[in-house]
């Protein structure tokens, strides 16, 4: 019996913890998943904060966490059942992992779309002259000789 089943049914644990050979294969694959999810979280933290999305971000994170927990549970179950039915359990575990990735991806896409809309709005405001802090200034049309004269004689420019 494995540790999970013993804990589930409150049975005495007969197998010492050092003898867990099946968990070694699982533990090699899980860090890859954790690294990928950590990279998504880093990208999310690096993006500027978009207001008004906190509620859906929290929901997406909760869904992703539930899917990863279900994946872990199904992987444990698949290791403990007969091999005839294990493939169905592993396929379902794979589906749960796909849902976790989809939830994180949807969250990132929503943020990127909002940032894109904010950038487009800022550009429109700047083009229409409604933008705050836009570049303002005056210009003069000079020919080559006037430009050289102003560069070589800066004191003459202040008098004019």
Protein backbone atom coordinates (compact mmCIF):
# COMPACT_ATOMS: atom_id res chain seq x y z
CA UNK A 1 0.00 0.00 0.00
CA UNK A 2 1.13 3.50 -0.62
CA UNK A 3 1.27 6.36 1.78
CA UNK A 4 -1.74 8.16 0.28
CA UNK A 5 -4.08 5.17 0.63
CA UNK A 6 -2.88 4.52 4.14
CA UNK A 7 -3.59 8.13 5.07
CA UNK A 8 -6.98 8.04 3.35
CA UNK A 9 -8.20 4.95 5.22
CA UNK A 10 -6.30 5.69 8.45
CA UNK A 11 -4.36 2.42 8.17
CA UNK A 12 -1.02 1.79 9.88
CA UNK A 13 1.92 2.58 7.67
CA UNK A 14 3.96 -0.58 7.07
CA UNK A 15 6.32 0.64 4.36
CA UNK A 16 9.26 2.80 5.45
CA UNK A 17 9.39 6.16 3.67
CA UNK A 18 12.83 5.49 2.11
CA UNK A 19 11.37 2.63 0.03
CA UNK A 20 9.22 4.82 -2.19
CA UNK A 21 10.61 3.99 -5.64
CA UNK A 22 7.56 5.00 -7.68
CA UNK A 23 7.63 8.59 -6.45
CA UNK A 24 11.09 9.14 -7.95
CA UNK A 25 9.74 9.06 -11.52
CA UNK A 26 6.89 11.38 -10.62
CA UNK A 27 9.14 13.85 -8.82
CA UNK A 28 11.32 14.23 -11.92
CA UNK A 29 8.36 15.48 -14.01
CA UNK A 30 6.71 17.68 -11.40
CA UNK A 31 9.58 20.23 -11.11
CA UNK A 32 9.22 20.93 -14.84
CA UNK A 33 5.56 21.79 -14.31
CA UNK A 34 6.37 23.89 -11.27
CA UNK A 35 9.08 25.76 -13.22
CA UNK A 36 6.69 26.50 -16.09
CA UNK A 37 3.97 27.76 -13.75
CA UNK A 38 6.57 29.83 -11.87
CA UNK A 39 7.67 31.43 -15.16
CA UNK A 40 4.06 32.35 -15.94
CA UNK A 41 3.76 33.94 -12.51
CA UNK A 42 7.00 35.89 -13.09
CA UNK A 43 5.67 37.21 -16.40
CA UNK A 44 2.45 38.20 -14.69
CA UNK A 45 4.34 40.07 -11.98
CA UNK A 46 6.59 41.81 -14.52
CA UNK A 47 3.70 43.31 -16.46
CA UNK A 48 2.33 46.65 -15.33
CA UNK A 49 -0.70 46.33 -13.10
CA UNK A 50 -3.98 46.48 -14.96
CA UNK A 51 -6.80 47.72 -12.78
CA UNK A 52 -10.16 45.98 -12.57
CA UNK A 53 -8.94 42.46 -13.27
CA UNK A 54 -8.09 41.34 -9.75
CA UNK A 55 -11.28 39.32 -9.30
CA UNK A 56 -10.90 37.29 -12.48
CA UNK A 57 -7.17 36.83 -11.84
CA UNK A 58 -7.95 35.35 -8.45
CA UNK A 59 -10.54 33.02 -9.97
CA UNK A 60 -8.15 31.88 -12.69
CA UNK A 61 -5.45 31.22 -10.10
CA UNK A 62 -7.88 29.21 -7.99
CA UNK A 63 -8.92 27.15 -11.02
CA UNK A 64 -5.30 26.50 -11.95
CA UNK A 65 -4.48 25.46 -8.38
CA UNK A 66 -7.46 23.08 -8.26
CA UNK A 67 -6.45 21.56 -11.60
CA UNK A 68 -2.86 21.02 -10.46
CA UNK A 69 -4.08 19.45 -7.20
CA UNK A 70 -6.41 17.16 -9.18
CA UNK A 71 -3.49 16.26 -11.44
CA UNK A 72 -1.37 15.28 -8.44
CA UNK A 73 -4.20 13.23 -6.93
CA UNK A 74 -4.90 11.44 -10.20
CA UNK A 75 -1.22 10.68 -10.74
CA UNK A 76 -1.09 9.12 -7.26
CA UNK A 77 -4.24 7.14 -7.98
CA UNK A 78 -2.91 5.96 -11.35
CA UNK A 79 0.20 4.59 -9.70
CA UNK A 80 -1.92 2.62 -7.22
CA UNK A 81 -4.45 0.91 -9.51
CA UNK A 82 -4.29 -1.94 -11.96
CA UNK A 83 -2.49 -1.14 -15.19
CA UNK A 84 -5.64 -1.91 -17.23
CA UNK A 85 -7.34 1.20 -15.91
CA UNK A 86 -4.31 3.34 -15.22
CA UNK A 87 -4.19 4.75 -18.76
CA UNK A 88 -7.65 6.31 -18.37
CA UNK A 89 -6.65 7.86 -15.06
CA UNK A 90 -3.42 9.20 -16.56
CA UNK A 91 -5.33 10.66 -19.53
CA UNK A 92 -7.65 12.43 -17.10
CA UNK A 93 -4.62 13.69 -15.16
CA UNK A 94 -3.19 15.03 -18.40
CA UNK A 95 -6.49 16.80 -19.05
CA UNK A 96 -6.34 18.43 -15.60
CA UNK A 97 -2.83 19.68 -16.31
CA UNK A 98 -4.05 21.08 -19.62
CA UNK A 99 -6.82 22.93 -17.80
CA UNK A 100 -4.28 24.47 -15.41
CA UNK A 101 -2.18 25.71 -18.30
CA UNK A 102 -5.26 27.01 -20.11
CA UNK A 103 -6.35 28.97 -17.03
CA UNK A 104 -2.91 30.60 -16.69
CA UNK A 105 -2.78 31.34 -20.42
CA UNK A 106 -6.24 32.91 -20.40
CA UNK A 107 -5.20 35.11 -17.51
CA UNK A 108 -2.10 36.31 -19.34
CA UNK A 109 -3.97 36.89 -22.61
CA UNK A 110 -6.56 39.00 -20.81
CA UNK A 111 -3.86 41.16 -19.25
CA UNK A 112 -2.05 41.56 -22.56
CA UNK A 113 -5.27 42.59 -24.32
CA UNK A 114 -5.98 45.18 -21.63
CA UNK A 115 -2.45 46.58 -21.89
CA UNK A 116 -2.78 46.70 -25.67
CA UNK A 117 -6.06 48.61 -25.36
CA UNK A 118 -4.47 51.05 -22.90
CA UNK A 119 -1.58 51.66 -25.28
CA UNK A 120 -3.95 52.22 -28.20
CA UNK A 121 -6.00 54.67 -26.11
CA UNK A 122 -2.85 56.56 -25.10
CA UNK A 123 -1.79 56.78 -28.75
CA UNK A 124 -5.20 58.07 -29.80
CA UNK A 125 -5.16 60.64 -27.01
CA UNK A 126 -1.71 61.77 -28.09
CA UNK A 127 -2.71 61.99 -31.76
CA UNK A 128 -5.84 63.99 -30.93
CA UNK A 129 -3.97 66.40 -28.68
CA UNK A 130 -5.86 65.25 -25.60
CA UNK A 131 -2.84 63.49 -24.14
CA UNK A 132 -1.26 64.72 -20.96
CA UNK A 133 2.45 65.46 -21.06
CA UNK A 134 2.67 65.19 -24.82
CA UNK A 135 5.58 66.78 -26.62
CA UNK A 136 4.96 70.46 -27.29
CA UNK A 137 7.27 72.95 -28.91
CA UNK A 138 7.80 75.33 -31.79
CA UNK A 139 9.83 74.89 -34.90
CA UNK A 140 11.49 77.03 -37.51
CA UNK A 141 12.31 76.22 -41.07
CA UNK A 142 15.97 76.98 -41.74
CA UNK A 143 18.09 76.48 -44.77
CA UNK A 144 21.60 75.07 -44.54
CA UNK A 145 23.40 78.43 -44.36
CA UNK A 146 21.18 79.79 -41.57
CA UNK A 147 21.63 76.60 -39.55
CA UNK A 148 25.44 76.74 -39.90
CA UNK A 149 25.43 80.42 -38.98
CA UNK A 150 23.41 79.72 -35.81
CA UNK A 151 25.67 76.82 -34.84
CA UNK A 152 28.90 78.78 -35.40
CA UNK A 153 27.68 82.04 -33.82
CA UNK A 154 25.44 81.17 -30.82
CA UNK A 155 25.68 84.70 -29.36
CA UNK A 156 24.20 86.19 -32.50
CA UNK A 157 21.09 83.98 -32.03
CA UNK A 158 20.31 85.43 -28.60
CA UNK A 159 20.19 89.00 -29.96
CA UNK A 160 17.70 88.13 -32.66
